[in-house]
Amino acid sequence: MLDTQRDTMLETAGQSQGTHERCAWCEAELGAQARRPRGRVHCERCGAYTTSPWPDAQTLDEAYGGAYRPSAGRFSGPGDRLLELTRARLAARIDEIAPAGGVLDVGAGPGALVRALRRRGRAALGLERSDVAAAHGEMPGPEDAKSGPLVIDAELADVRGTWAAVVFWHSLEHLPRPRAALTEAAAHLAPGGILAVAVPNAASLQASVFGDDWLHLDLPRHLTHAPAATLIEALRQLGLRVERVSYWRGGQVMIGWLHGLVGALPGHPSLYDALRRPEARWQQMGGGRRAGILLAATLLAPVAAVMSVVEVAMHRGGSIYVEARK
């Protein structure tokens, strides 16, 4: 998202809501002494950041509307197809490690992961905001999730039954009470069930380098910004056994570096906008400017690749993916 639009949204939220005085992750009180980088406030107790000012419903509706996820897709060229392929790969992984039963995808978007799981014969269901989801009557359980709507407009609290796996693929950071969502998800897991979580890593090397301009802050949509250690500790406190931690599988590593490097050039061009379809851009751009941005990204790609390898080797990747078993 462009800095100008992001700052306008945060200013609007601040006028109506003021500063968020509790950590959205651990609910600790955040006093005047808390560290407050732009658009967020740090919690010394758990290490997470909370978006501040806290956005109201209108601000969030605007942030998720229009260009965020147009019906024709978000990315130009093969971008959306590549996303489908990555979800198919994730589906294969979940199908391999989870016990028999249904899979619940929290924050499913248009349902790419759910489609991939159903193609593999898995019962699967997605939960998402109403703009891309079907309305529901009685909440379906895992036994009903082999057919019918891929994605429904429902909250995790509405879910019934036990599930072989619950997935938060870059959705936990969008929830107002992420720690409570993990607790609810764990309660819905069958014995031996898997909780799979991917989030941006607020302790990543790229987050430190790019600071307030880090792509994966994504204010105000991302309400919390958790370091890897904070997420892992929360899963262990729920009594889950952490079986895998990856600083690469969570995706969005190299694009974070590329966007930041391109954005540091004169004029602060937005690579993320250049990669998106015209109707999905926060700021329209001519063909010549877009071509220049993509050329710059191509030239900077070797640097981004090296930095991605370095931060993954340091266990400070731009995102973290965790598998935890009940």
C-alpha atoms as a PDB file:
ATOM      1  CA  MET A   1       0.000   0.000   0.000  1.00  0.00           C
ATOM      2  CA  LEU A   2       1.266   3.481  -0.752  1.00  0.00           C
ATOM      3  CA  ASP A   3       2.540   5.442   2.235  1.00  0.00           C
ATOM      4  CA  THR A   4       0.219   8.383   1.488  1.00  0.00           C
ATOM      5  CA  GLN A   5      -2.948   6.281   1.468  1.00  0.00           C
ATOM      6  CA  ARG A   6      -1.816   4.291   4.489  1.00  0.00           C
ATOM      7  CA  ASP A   7      -1.111   7.450   6.479  1.00  0.00           C
ATOM      8  CA  THR A   8      -4.494   8.916   5.509  1.00  0.00           C
ATOM      9  CA  MET A   9      -6.263   5.790   6.748  1.00  0.00           C
ATOM     10  CA  LEU A  10      -4.303   5.789   9.993  1.00  0.00           C
ATOM     11  CA  GLU A  11      -5.004   9.479  10.541  1.00  0.00           C
ATOM     12  CA  THR A  12      -8.726   8.860   9.998  1.00  0.00           C
ATOM     13  CA  ALA A  13      -8.635   5.947  12.431  1.00  0.00           C
ATOM     14  CA  GLY A  14      -6.793   8.041  14.983  1.00  0.00           C
ATOM     15  CA  GLN A  15      -9.406  10.771  14.871  1.00  0.00           C
ATOM     16  CA  SER A  16     -12.150   8.307  15.763  1.00  0.00           C
ATOM     17  CA  GLN A  17     -10.373   5.738  17.898  1.00  0.00           C
ATOM     18  CA  GLY A  18      -7.231   7.218  19.431  1.00  0.00           C
ATOM     19  CA  THR A  19      -4.253   5.170  20.518  1.00  0.00           C
ATOM     20  CA  HIS A  20      -4.806   1.481  21.193  1.00  0.00           C
ATOM     21  CA  GLU A  21      -3.860   1.069  24.850  1.00  0.00           C
ATOM     22  CA  ARG A  22      -3.633  -2.723  25.064  1.00  0.00           C
ATOM     23  CA  CYS A  23      -1.460  -5.166  23.191  1.00  0.00           C
ATOM     24  CA  ALA A  24      -3.665  -7.009  20.715  1.00  0.00           C
ATOM     25  CA  TRP A  25      -1.510 -10.129  21.150  1.00  0.00           C
ATOM     26  CA  CYS A  26      -1.204 -10.577  24.928  1.00  0.00           C
ATOM     27  CA  GLU A  27      -3.642  -7.842  26.087  1.00  0.00           C
ATOM     28  CA  ALA A  28      -1.063  -6.223  28.355  1.00  0.00           C
ATOM     29  CA  GLU A  29      -1.553  -2.544  29.068  1.00  0.00           C
ATOM     30  CA  LEU A  30       0.642  -0.276  26.952  1.00  0.00           C
ATOM     31  CA  GLY A  31       1.630   2.876  28.740  1.00  0.00           C
ATOM     32  CA  ALA A  32       3.082   6.149  27.565  1.00  0.00           C
ATOM     33  CA  GLN A  33       6.585   4.705  27.812  1.00  0.00           C
ATOM     34  CA  ALA A  34       5.928   2.052  25.151  1.00  0.00           C
ATOM     35  CA  ARG A  35       8.029   2.380  21.987  1.00  0.00           C
ATOM     36  CA  ARG A  36       5.902   3.740  19.142  1.00  0.00           C
ATOM     37  CA  PRO A  37       7.340   3.530  15.630  1.00  0.00           C
ATOM     38  CA  ARG A  38       5.060   4.895  12.930  1.00  0.00           C
ATOM     39  CA  GLY A  39       1.672   3.175  12.869  1.00  0.00           C
ATOM     40  CA  ARG A  40       2.313   0.699  15.673  1.00  0.00           C
ATOM     41  CA  VAL A  41       3.202   0.318  19.342  1.00  0.00           C
ATOM     42  CA  HIS A  42       5.567  -2.234  20.880  1.00  0.00           C
ATOM     43  CA  CYS A  43       4.744  -4.512  23.814  1.00  0.00           C
ATOM     44  CA  GLU A  44       7.712  -5.250  26.063  1.00  0.00           C
ATOM     45  CA  ARG A  45       5.859  -8.157  27.649  1.00  0.00           C
ATOM     46  CA  CYS A  46       5.380 -10.363  24.574  1.00  0.00           C
ATOM     47  CA  GLY A  47       7.462  -8.590  21.909  1.00  0.00           C
ATOM     48  CA  ALA A  48       4.585  -8.056  19.474  1.00  0.00           C
ATOM     49  CA  TYR A  49       3.561  -4.775  17.877  1.00  0.00           C
ATOM     50  CA  THR A  50      -0.037  -3.563  17.746  1.00  0.00           C
ATOM     51  CA  THR A  51      -1.257  -1.257  14.991  1.00  0.00           C
ATOM     52  CA  SER A  52      -1.825   2.196  16.435  1.00  0.00           C
ATOM     53  CA  PRO A  53      -4.055   4.107  16.058  1.00  0.00           C
ATOM     54  CA  TRP A  54      -6.391   1.118  16.059  1.00  0.00           C
ATOM     55  CA  PRO A  55      -8.511   1.265  12.865  1.00  0.00           C
ATOM     56  CA  ASP A  56     -12.274   1.495  13.145  1.00  0.00           C
ATOM     57  CA  ALA A  57     -14.727  -0.509  11.032  1.00  0.00           C
ATOM     58  CA  GLN A  58     -15.015   2.157   8.342  1.00  0.00           C
ATOM     59  CA  THR A  59     -11.246   2.399   7.945  1.00  0.00           C
ATOM     60  CA  LEU A  60     -10.969  -1.367   7.577  1.00  0.00           C
ATOM     61  CA  ASP A  61     -13.839  -1.519   5.091  1.00  0.00           C
ATOM     62  CA  GLU A  62     -12.015   1.043   2.961  1.00  0.00           C
ATOM     63  CA  ALA A  63      -8.711  -0.814   3.329  1.00  0.00           C
ATOM     64  CA  TYR A  64     -10.230  -4.102   2.160  1.00  0.00           C
ATOM     65  CA  GLY A  65     -12.410  -2.614  -0.547  1.00  0.00           C
ATOM     66  CA  GLY A  66     -11.940  -2.020  -4.237  1.00  0.00           C
ATOM     67  CA  ALA A  67      -8.325  -2.461  -5.210  1.00  0.00           C
ATOM     68  CA  TYR A  68      -7.459  -4.900  -2.421  1.00  0.00           C
ATOM     69  CA  ARG A  69      -8.969  -7.955  -4.082  1.00  0.00           C
ATOM     70  CA  PRO A  70     -10.813  -7.219  -7.350  1.00  0.00           C
ATOM     71  CA  SER A  71     -12.932 -10.003  -8.806  1.00  0.00           C
ATOM     72  CA  ALA A  72     -10.659 -10.366 -11.837  1.00  0.00           C
ATOM     73  CA  GLY A  73      -7.648 -11.110  -9.638  1.00  0.00           C
ATOM     74  CA  ARG A  74      -4.858  -9.091  -8.113  1.00  0.00           C
ATOM     75  CA  PHE A  75      -1.707  -9.697 -10.133  1.00  0.00           C
ATOM     76  CA  SER A  76      -0.680  -9.173 -13.734  1.00  0.00           C
ATOM     77  CA  GLY A  77       0.724 -11.911 -15.952  1.00  0.00           C
ATOM     78  CA  PRO A  78       1.160 -15.287 -14.257  1.00  0.00           C
ATOM     79  CA  GLY A  79       0.945 -13.844 -10.733  1.00  0.00           C
ATOM     80  CA  ASP A  80      -2.449 -15.219  -9.722  1.00  0.00           C
ATOM     81  CA  ARG A  81      -1.633 -18.579 -11.303  1.00  0.00           C
ATOM     82  CA  LEU A  82       1.561 -18.757  -9.258  1.00  0.00           C
ATOM     83  CA  LEU A  83      -0.479 -18.136  -6.117  1.00  0.00           C
ATOM     84  CA  GLU A  84      -2.741 -21.044  -7.057  1.00  0.00           C
ATOM     85  CA  LEU A  85       0.313 -23.273  -7.494  1.00  0.00           C
ATOM     86  CA  THR A  86       1.723 -22.316  -4.103  1.00  0.00           C
ATOM     87  CA  ARG A  87      -1.628 -23.108  -2.457  1.00  0.00           C
ATOM     88  CA  ALA A  88      -1.649 -26.483  -4.205  1.00  0.00           C
ATOM     89  CA  ARG A  89       1.795 -27.155  -2.754  1.00  0.00           C
ATOM     90  CA  LEU A  90       0.581 -26.183   0.706  1.00  0.00           C
ATOM     91  CA  ALA A  91      -2.470 -28.427   0.272  1.00  0.00           C
ATOM     92  CA  ALA A  92      -0.189 -31.369  -0.521  1.00  0.00           C
ATOM     93  CA  ARG A  93       1.813 -30.671   2.635  1.00  0.00           C
ATOM     94  CA  ILE A  94      -1.262 -30.404   4.875  1.00  0.00           C
ATOM     95  CA  ASP A  95      -2.764 -33.537   3.333  1.00  0.00           C
ATOM     96  CA  GLU A  96       0.478 -35.388   4.014  1.00  0.00           C
ATOM     97  CA  ILE A  97       0.942 -34.477   7.685  1.00  0.00           C
ATOM     98  CA  ALA A  98      -2.618 -34.136   9.024  1.00  0.00           C
ATOM     99  CA  PRO A  99      -4.682 -37.091  10.241  1.00  0.00           C
ATOM    100  CA  ALA A 100      -7.870 -38.064   8.461  1.00  0.00           C
ATOM    101  CA  GLY A 101     -10.594 -35.430   8.562  1.00  0.00           C
ATOM    102  CA  GLY A 102     -11.526 -31.962   7.400  1.00  0.00           C
ATOM    103  CA  VAL A 103      -9.306 -28.905   7.087  1.00  0.00           C
ATOM    104  CA  LEU A 104     -10.388 -25.414   8.114  1.00  0.00           C
ATOM    105  CA  ASP A 105      -8.719 -22.451   6.378  1.00  0.00           C
ATOM    106  CA  VAL A 106      -9.147 -19.263   8.419  1.00  0.00           C
ATOM    107  CA  GLY A 107      -8.845 -16.190   6.199  1.00  0.00           C
ATOM    108  CA  ALA A 108      -9.220 -18.208   3.015  1.00  0.00           C
ATOM    109  CA  GLY A 109      -9.536 -15.366   0.517  1.00  0.00           C
ATOM    110  CA  PRO A 110     -11.184 -16.660  -2.677  1.00  0.00           C
ATOM    111  CA  GLY A 111     -10.564 -20.252  -1.560  1.00  0.00           C
ATOM    112  CA  ALA A 112      -7.499 -21.411  -3.496  1.00  0.00           C
ATOM    113  CA  LEU A 113      -6.265 -23.658  -0.678  1.00  0.00           C
ATOM    114  CA  VAL A 114      -9.745 -25.097  -0.111  1.00  0.00           C
ATOM    115  CA  ARG A 115     -10.075 -25.925  -3.816  1.00  0.00           C
ATOM    116  CA  ALA A 116      -6.685 -27.625  -3.811  1.00  0.00           C
ATOM    117  CA  LEU A 117      -7.558 -29.689  -0.743  1.00  0.00           C
ATOM    118  CA  ARG A 118     -10.902 -30.780  -2.179  1.00  0.00           C
ATOM    119  CA  ARG A 119      -9.170 -31.842  -5.387  1.00  0.00           C
ATOM    120  CA  ARG A 120      -7.100 -34.172  -3.201  1.00  0.00           C
ATOM    121  CA  GLY A 121     -10.274 -35.643  -1.696  1.00  0.00           C
ATOM    122  CA  ARG A 122     -10.058 -33.721   1.589  1.00  0.00           C
ATOM    123  CA  ALA A 123     -13.074 -32.136   3.178  1.00  0.00           C
ATOM    124  CA  ALA A 124     -12.147 -28.462   3.476  1.00  0.00           C
ATOM    125  CA  LEU A 125     -13.827 -25.185   4.269  1.00  0.00           C
ATOM    126  CA  GLY A 126     -12.669 -21.559   4.290  1.00  0.00           C
ATOM    127  CA  LEU A 127     -13.705 -18.630   6.471  1.00  0.00           C
ATOM    128  CA  GLU A 128     -13.430 -15.094   5.097  1.00  0.00           C
ATOM    129  CA  ARG A 129     -14.871 -11.591   5.146  1.00  0.00           C
ATOM    130  CA  SER A 130     -18.289 -11.194   3.561  1.00  0.00           C
ATOM    131  CA  ASP A 131     -17.053  -9.464   0.387  1.00  0.00           C
ATOM    132  CA  VAL A 132     -15.678 -12.723  -1.017  1.00  0.00           C
ATOM    133  CA  ALA A 133     -17.613 -15.323   0.987  1.00  0.00           C
ATOM    134  CA  ALA A 134     -21.028 -16.937   0.818  1.00  0.00           C
ATOM    135  CA  ALA A 135     -23.570 -16.390   3.553  1.00  0.00           C
ATOM    136  CA  HIS A 136     -24.324 -19.413   5.687  1.00  0.00           C
ATOM    137  CA  GLY A 137     -27.211 -20.679   7.757  1.00  0.00           C
ATOM    138  CA  GLU A 138     -26.301 -23.480  10.105  1.00  0.00           C
ATOM    139  CA  MET A 139     -22.542 -23.676  10.470  1.00  0.00           C
ATOM    140  CA  PRO A 140     -21.246 -26.696   8.529  1.00  0.00           C
ATOM    141  CA  GLY A 141     -18.963 -29.120  10.286  1.00  0.00           C
ATOM    142  CA  PRO A 142     -16.025 -31.066   8.855  1.00  0.00           C
ATOM    143  CA  GLU A 143     -18.343 -33.843   7.683  1.00  0.00           C
ATOM    144  CA  ASP A 144     -20.170 -31.337   5.439  1.00  0.00           C
ATOM    145  CA  ALA A 145     -17.099 -29.720   3.925  1.00  0.00           C
ATOM    146  CA  LYS A 146     -16.557 -31.891   0.855  1.00  0.00           C
ATOM    147  CA  SER A 147     -19.075 -29.935  -1.192  1.00  0.00           C
ATOM    148  CA  GLY A 148     -21.037 -26.718  -1.052  1.00  0.00           C
ATOM    149  CA  PRO A 149     -19.489 -23.257  -0.741  1.00  0.00           C
ATOM    150  CA  LEU A 150     -15.711 -23.158  -0.629  1.00  0.00           C
ATOM    151  CA  VAL A 151     -15.642 -20.087   1.604  1.00  0.00           C
ATOM    152  CA  ILE A 152     -18.294 -18.801   3.985  1.00  0.00           C
ATOM    153  CA  ASP A 153     -18.756 -15.571   5.895  1.00  0.00           C
ATOM    154  CA  ALA A 154     -18.309 -16.825   9.453  1.00  0.00           C
ATOM    155  CA  GLU A 155     -16.136 -16.331  12.507  1.00  0.00           C
ATOM    156  CA  LEU A 156     -13.883 -18.927  14.041  1.00  0.00           C
ATOM    157  CA  ALA A 157     -16.139 -18.809  17.108  1.00  0.00           C
ATOM    158  CA  ASP A 158     -18.989 -20.141  14.915  1.00  0.00           C
ATOM    159  CA  VAL A 159     -17.107 -23.302  13.998  1.00  0.00           C
ATOM    160  CA  ARG A 160     -18.371 -26.641  15.271  1.00  0.00           C
ATOM    161  CA  GLY A 161     -16.834 -30.086  15.343  1.00  0.00           C
ATOM    162  CA  THR A 162     -13.215 -31.182  15.356  1.00  0.00           C
ATOM    163  CA  TRP A 163     -10.857 -30.718  12.428  1.00  0.00           C
ATOM    164  CA  ALA A 164      -7.749 -32.544  11.270  1.00  0.00           C
ATOM    165  CA  ALA A 165      -6.013 -29.238  10.571  1.00  0.00           C
ATOM    166  CA  VAL A 166      -6.597 -25.528  10.971  1.00  0.00           C
ATOM    167  CA  VAL A 167      -4.613 -23.172   8.734  1.00  0.00           C
ATOM    168  CA  PHE A 168      -3.834 -19.474   9.179  1.00  0.00           C
ATOM    169  CA  TRP A 169      -2.004 -18.583   5.959  1.00  0.00           C
ATOM    170  CA  HIS A 170      -1.054 -14.926   6.363  1.00  0.00           C
ATOM    171  CA  SER A 171      -4.397 -14.256   8.031  1.00  0.00           C
ATOM    172  CA  LEU A 172      -3.602 -14.272  11.761  1.00  0.00           C
ATOM    173  CA  GLU A 173      -2.101 -10.788  11.548  1.00  0.00           C
ATOM    174  CA  HIS A 174      -5.450  -9.508  10.228  1.00  0.00           C
ATOM    175  CA  LEU A 175      -7.398 -10.634  13.304  1.00  0.00           C
ATOM    176  CA  PRO A 176      -8.085  -8.291  16.238  1.00  0.00           C
ATOM    177  CA  ARG A 177      -7.354 -10.993  18.851  1.00  0.00           C
ATOM    178  CA  PRO A 178      -4.817 -13.364  17.269  1.00  0.00           C
ATOM    179  CA  ARG A 179      -3.807 -15.160  20.450  1.00  0.00           C
ATOM    180  CA  ALA A 180      -7.459 -15.923  21.229  1.00  0.00           C
ATOM    181  CA  ALA A 181      -7.895 -17.182  17.640  1.00  0.00           C
ATOM    182  CA  LEU A 182      -5.019 -19.627  18.124  1.00  0.00           C
ATOM    183  CA  THR A 183      -6.616 -20.834  21.356  1.00  0.00           C
ATOM    184  CA  GLU A 184      -9.956 -21.415  19.613  1.00  0.00           C
ATOM    185  CA  ALA A 185      -8.283 -23.160  16.698  1.00  0.00           C
ATOM    186  CA  ALA A 186      -6.377 -25.500  19.025  1.00  0.00           C
ATOM    187  CA  ALA A 187      -9.617 -26.372  20.814  1.00  0.00           C
ATOM    188  CA  HIS A 188     -11.144 -27.433  17.464  1.00  0.00           C
ATOM    189  CA  LEU A 189      -8.263 -29.748  16.568  1.00  0.00           C
ATOM    190  CA  ALA A 190      -8.751 -33.494  16.671  1.00  0.00           C
ATOM    191  CA  PRO A 191      -6.125 -35.505  18.568  1.00  0.00           C
ATOM    192  CA  GLY A 192      -2.988 -35.424  16.449  1.00  0.00           C
ATOM    193  CA  GLY A 193      -4.379 -32.503  14.453  1.00  0.00           C
ATOM    194  CA  ILE A 194      -2.170 -29.854  12.904  1.00  0.00           C
ATOM    195  CA  LEU A 195      -2.205 -26.091  13.380  1.00  0.00           C
ATOM    196  CA  ALA A 196      -0.329 -24.499  10.455  1.00  0.00           C
ATOM    197  CA  VAL A 197       0.476 -20.788  10.699  1.00  0.00           C
ATOM    198  CA  ALA A 198       2.319 -18.423   8.359  1.00  0.00           C
ATOM    199  CA  VAL A 199       2.796 -14.765   9.305  1.00  0.00           C
ATOM    200  CA  PRO A 200       5.216 -11.940   8.488  1.00  0.00           C
ATOM    201  CA  ASN A 201       8.134 -12.036  10.919  1.00  0.00           C
ATOM    202  CA  ALA A 202       8.468  -8.724  12.743  1.00  0.00           C
ATOM    203  CA  ALA A 203      11.944  -9.805  13.877  1.00  0.00           C
ATOM    204  CA  SER A 204      13.143 -10.421  10.318  1.00  0.00           C
ATOM    205  CA  LEU A 205      16.236  -8.817   8.875  1.00  0.00           C
ATOM    206  CA  GLN A 206      14.183  -7.073   6.186  1.00  0.00           C
ATOM    207  CA  ALA A 207      11.828  -5.633   8.812  1.00  0.00           C
ATOM    208  CA  SER A 208      14.855  -4.120  10.561  1.00  0.00           C
ATOM    209  CA  VAL A 209      16.378  -2.771   7.340  1.00  0.00           C
ATOM    210  CA  PHE A 210      13.225  -1.187   5.906  1.00  0.00           C
ATOM    211  CA  GLY A 211      11.593  -0.138   9.166  1.00  0.00           C
ATOM    212  CA  ASP A 212       8.452   1.910   8.642  1.00  0.00           C
ATOM    213  CA  ASP A 213       8.579   1.176   4.895  1.00  0.00           C
ATOM    214  CA  TRP A 214       8.624  -2.626   5.218  1.00  0.00           C
ATOM    215  CA  LEU A 215       6.120  -4.076   2.736  1.00  0.00           C
ATOM    216  CA  HIS A 216       4.674  -6.598   5.175  1.00  0.00           C
ATOM    217  CA  LEU A 217       3.578  -4.053   7.743  1.00  0.00           C
ATOM    218  CA  ASP A 218       0.565  -3.547   5.435  1.00  0.00           C
ATOM    219  CA  LEU A 219      -1.086  -0.990   7.701  1.00  0.00           C
ATOM    220  CA  PRO A 220      -3.895  -0.778   8.667  1.00  0.00           C
ATOM    221  CA  ARG A 221      -4.987  -4.263   7.535  1.00  0.00           C
ATOM    222  CA  HIS A 222      -2.320  -6.008   9.610  1.00  0.00           C
ATOM    223  CA  LEU A 223      -3.432  -5.392  13.167  1.00  0.00           C
ATOM    224  CA  THR A 224      -0.590  -7.235  14.891  1.00  0.00           C
ATOM    225  CA  HIS A 225       3.056  -7.746  13.985  1.00  0.00           C
ATOM    226  CA  ALA A 226       4.545 -10.699  15.841  1.00  0.00           C
ATOM    227  CA  PRO A 227       8.191 -11.787  15.979  1.00  0.00           C
ATOM    228  CA  ALA A 228       8.793 -15.462  15.239  1.00  0.00           C
ATOM    229  CA  ALA A 229       9.652 -16.240  18.859  1.00  0.00           C
ATOM    230  CA  THR A 230       6.361 -14.752  20.072  1.00  0.00           C
ATOM    231  CA  LEU A 231       4.313 -16.999  17.781  1.00  0.00           C
ATOM    232  CA  ILE A 232       6.283 -20.139  18.642  1.00  0.00           C
ATOM    233  CA  GLU A 233       5.991 -19.513  22.372  1.00  0.00           C
ATOM    234  CA  ALA A 234       2.229 -18.981  22.077  1.00  0.00           C
ATOM    235  CA  LEU A 235       1.793 -22.330  20.325  1.00  0.00           C
ATOM    236  CA  ARG A 236       3.829 -24.125  22.964  1.00  0.00           C
ATOM    237  CA  GLN A 237       1.840 -22.489  25.756  1.00  0.00           C
ATOM    238  CA  LEU A 238      -1.284 -23.972  24.179  1.00  0.00           C
ATOM    239  CA  GLY A 239       0.210 -27.430  24.758  1.00  0.00           C
ATOM    240  CA  LEU A 240       0.944 -28.008  21.076  1.00  0.00           C
ATOM    241  CA  ARG A 241       4.118 -29.727  19.896  1.00  0.00           C
ATOM    242  CA  VAL A 242       5.984 -27.536  17.415  1.00  0.00           C
ATOM    243  CA  GLU A 243       7.211 -29.913  14.726  1.00  0.00           C
ATOM    244  CA  ARG A 244       8.449 -27.589  12.030  1.00  0.00           C
ATOM    245  CA  VAL A 245       9.639 -23.992  11.815  1.00  0.00           C
ATOM    246  CA  SER A 246      10.569 -22.593   8.413  1.00  0.00           C
ATOM    247  CA  TYR A 247      11.777 -19.104   7.571  1.00  0.00           C
ATOM    248  CA  TRP A 248      11.299 -19.725   3.857  1.00  0.00           C
ATOM    249  CA  ARG A 249       8.145 -21.792   3.375  1.00  0.00           C
ATOM    250  CA  GLY A 250       5.931 -18.957   4.578  1.00  0.00           C
ATOM    251  CA  GLY A 251       6.625 -17.148   1.291  1.00  0.00           C
ATOM    252  CA  GLN A 252       6.821 -13.398   0.783  1.00  0.00           C
ATOM    253  CA  VAL A 253      10.548 -13.352   1.595  1.00  0.00           C
ATOM    254  CA  MET A 254      12.164 -12.210  -1.644  1.00  0.00           C
ATOM    255  CA  ILE A 255       9.295  -9.883  -2.591  1.00  0.00           C
ATOM    256  CA  GLY A 256       9.814  -8.073   0.718  1.00  0.00           C
ATOM    257  CA  TRP A 257      13.447  -7.392  -0.190  1.00  0.00           C
ATOM    258  CA  LEU A 258      12.684  -6.470  -3.787  1.00  0.00           C
ATOM    259  CA  HIS A 259       9.899  -4.068  -2.861  1.00  0.00           C
ATOM    260  CA  GLY A 260      12.069  -2.403  -0.236  1.00  0.00           C
ATOM    261  CA  LEU A 261      15.106  -2.058  -2.503  1.00  0.00           C
ATOM    262  CA  VAL A 262      13.072  -0.645  -5.396  1.00  0.00           C
ATOM    263  CA  GLY A 263      11.232   1.682  -3.016  1.00  0.00           C
ATOM    264  CA  ALA A 264      14.555   3.130  -1.849  1.00  0.00           C
ATOM    265  CA  LEU A 265      15.213   4.473  -5.371  1.00  0.00           C
ATOM    266  CA  PRO A 266      14.504   8.142  -6.220  1.00  0.00           C
ATOM    267  CA  GLY A 267      10.768   8.784  -6.298  1.00  0.00           C
ATOM    268  CA  HIS A 268      10.095   5.759  -4.050  1.00  0.00           C
ATOM    269  CA  PRO A 269       8.425   3.625  -6.750  1.00  0.00           C
ATOM    270  CA  SER A 270       6.079   0.861  -5.629  1.00  0.00           C
ATOM    271  CA  LEU A 271       7.020  -2.535  -7.026  1.00  0.00           C
ATOM    272  CA  TYR A 272       3.947  -4.084  -5.387  1.00  0.00           C
ATOM    273  CA  ASP A 273       1.676  -1.766  -7.391  1.00  0.00           C
ATOM    274  CA  ALA A 274       3.626  -2.464 -10.586  1.00  0.00           C
ATOM    275  CA  LEU A 275       3.045  -6.201 -10.177  1.00  0.00           C
ATOM    276  CA  ARG A 276      -0.700  -5.816  -9.724  1.00  0.00           C
ATOM    277  CA  ARG A 277      -3.444  -5.492 -12.330  1.00  0.00           C
ATOM    278  CA  PRO A 278      -4.441  -1.883 -13.153  1.00  0.00           C
ATOM    279  CA  GLU A 279      -7.713  -2.209 -11.208  1.00  0.00           C
ATOM    280  CA  ALA A 280      -5.801  -3.618  -8.214  1.00  0.00           C
ATOM    281  CA  ARG A 281      -3.308  -0.749  -7.897  1.00  0.00           C
ATOM    282  CA  TRP A 282      -3.500   1.830  -5.154  1.00  0.00           C
ATOM    283  CA  GLN A 283      -1.958   4.349  -7.541  1.00  0.00           C
ATOM    284  CA  GLN A 284      -2.306   4.188 -11.292  1.00  0.00           C
ATOM    285  CA  MET A 285       0.870   4.332 -13.376  1.00  0.00           C
ATOM    286  CA  GLY A 286       1.681   4.629 -17.056  1.00  0.00           C
ATOM    287  CA  GLY A 287       3.233   1.823 -19.039  1.00  0.00           C
ATOM    288  CA  GLY A 288       6.621   3.518 -19.197  1.00  0.00           C
ATOM    289  CA  ARG A 289       6.857   4.012 -15.441  1.00  0.00           C
ATOM    290  CA  ARG A 290       5.729   0.451 -14.800  1.00  0.00           C
ATOM    291  CA  ALA A 291       8.329  -0.897 -17.229  1.00  0.00           C
ATOM    292  CA  GLY A 292      11.015   1.125 -15.469  1.00  0.00           C
ATOM    293  CA  ILE A 293      10.010  -0.244 -12.075  1.00  0.00           C
ATOM    294  CA  LEU A 294      10.034  -3.822 -13.343  1.00  0.00           C
ATOM    295  CA  LEU A 295      13.451  -3.267 -14.948  1.00  0.00           C
ATOM    296  CA  ALA A 296      14.808  -1.932 -11.658  1.00  0.00           C
ATOM    297  CA  ALA A 297      13.418  -4.985  -9.856  1.00  0.00           C
ATOM    298  CA  THR A 298      15.098  -7.276 -12.387  1.00  0.00           C
ATOM    299  CA  LEU A 299      18.457  -5.578 -11.871  1.00  0.00           C
ATOM    300  CA  LEU A 300      18.086  -5.696  -8.082  1.00  0.00           C
ATOM    301  CA  ALA A 301      16.866  -9.318  -8.004  1.00  0.00           C
ATOM    302  CA  PRO A 302      20.374 -10.798  -7.389  1.00  0.00           C
ATOM    303  CA  VAL A 303      20.795  -8.537  -4.347  1.00  0.00           C
ATOM    304  CA  ALA A 304      17.343  -9.490  -3.056  1.00  0.00           C
ATOM    305  CA  ALA A 305      18.101 -13.175  -3.567  1.00  0.00           C
ATOM    306  CA  VAL A 306      21.357 -12.957  -1.606  1.00  0.00           C
ATOM    307  CA  MET A 307      19.689 -11.067   1.227  1.00  0.00           C
ATOM    308  CA  SER A 308      16.857 -13.611   1.317  1.00  0.00           C
ATOM    309  CA  VAL A 309      19.358 -16.442   1.716  1.00  0.00           C
ATOM    310  CA  VAL A 310      21.223 -14.525   4.408  1.00  0.00           C
ATOM    311  CA  GLU A 311      18.159 -13.799   6.522  1.00  0.00           C
ATOM    312  CA  VAL A 312      16.826 -17.353   6.211  1.00  0.00           C
ATOM    313  CA  ALA A 313      20.227 -18.712   7.275  1.00  0.00           C
ATOM    314  CA  MET A 314      20.124 -16.340  10.259  1.00  0.00           C
ATOM    315  CA  HIS A 315      16.619 -17.598  11.155  1.00  0.00           C
ATOM    316  CA  ARG A 316      15.376 -14.057  10.575  1.00  0.00           C
ATOM    317  CA  GLY A 317      13.365 -14.646   7.407  1.00  0.00           C
ATOM    318  CA  GLY A 318      10.731 -12.141   6.279  1.00  0.00           C
ATOM    319  CA  SER A 319       8.006 -14.627   7.177  1.00  0.00           C
ATOM    320  CA  ILE A 320       7.720 -17.639   9.431  1.00  0.00           C
ATOM    321  CA  TYR A 321       5.793 -20.875   8.869  1.00  0.00           C
ATOM    322  CA  VAL A 322       5.081 -23.144  11.828  1.00  0.00           C
ATOM    323  CA  GLU A 323       3.456 -26.564  12.090  1.00  0.00           C
ATOM    324  CA  ALA A 324       2.296 -27.568  15.566  1.00  0.00           C
ATOM    325  CA  ARG A 325       0.531 -30.811  16.514  1.00  0.00           C
ATOM    326  CA  LYS A 326      -2.043 -31.390  19.209  1.00  0.00           C
END
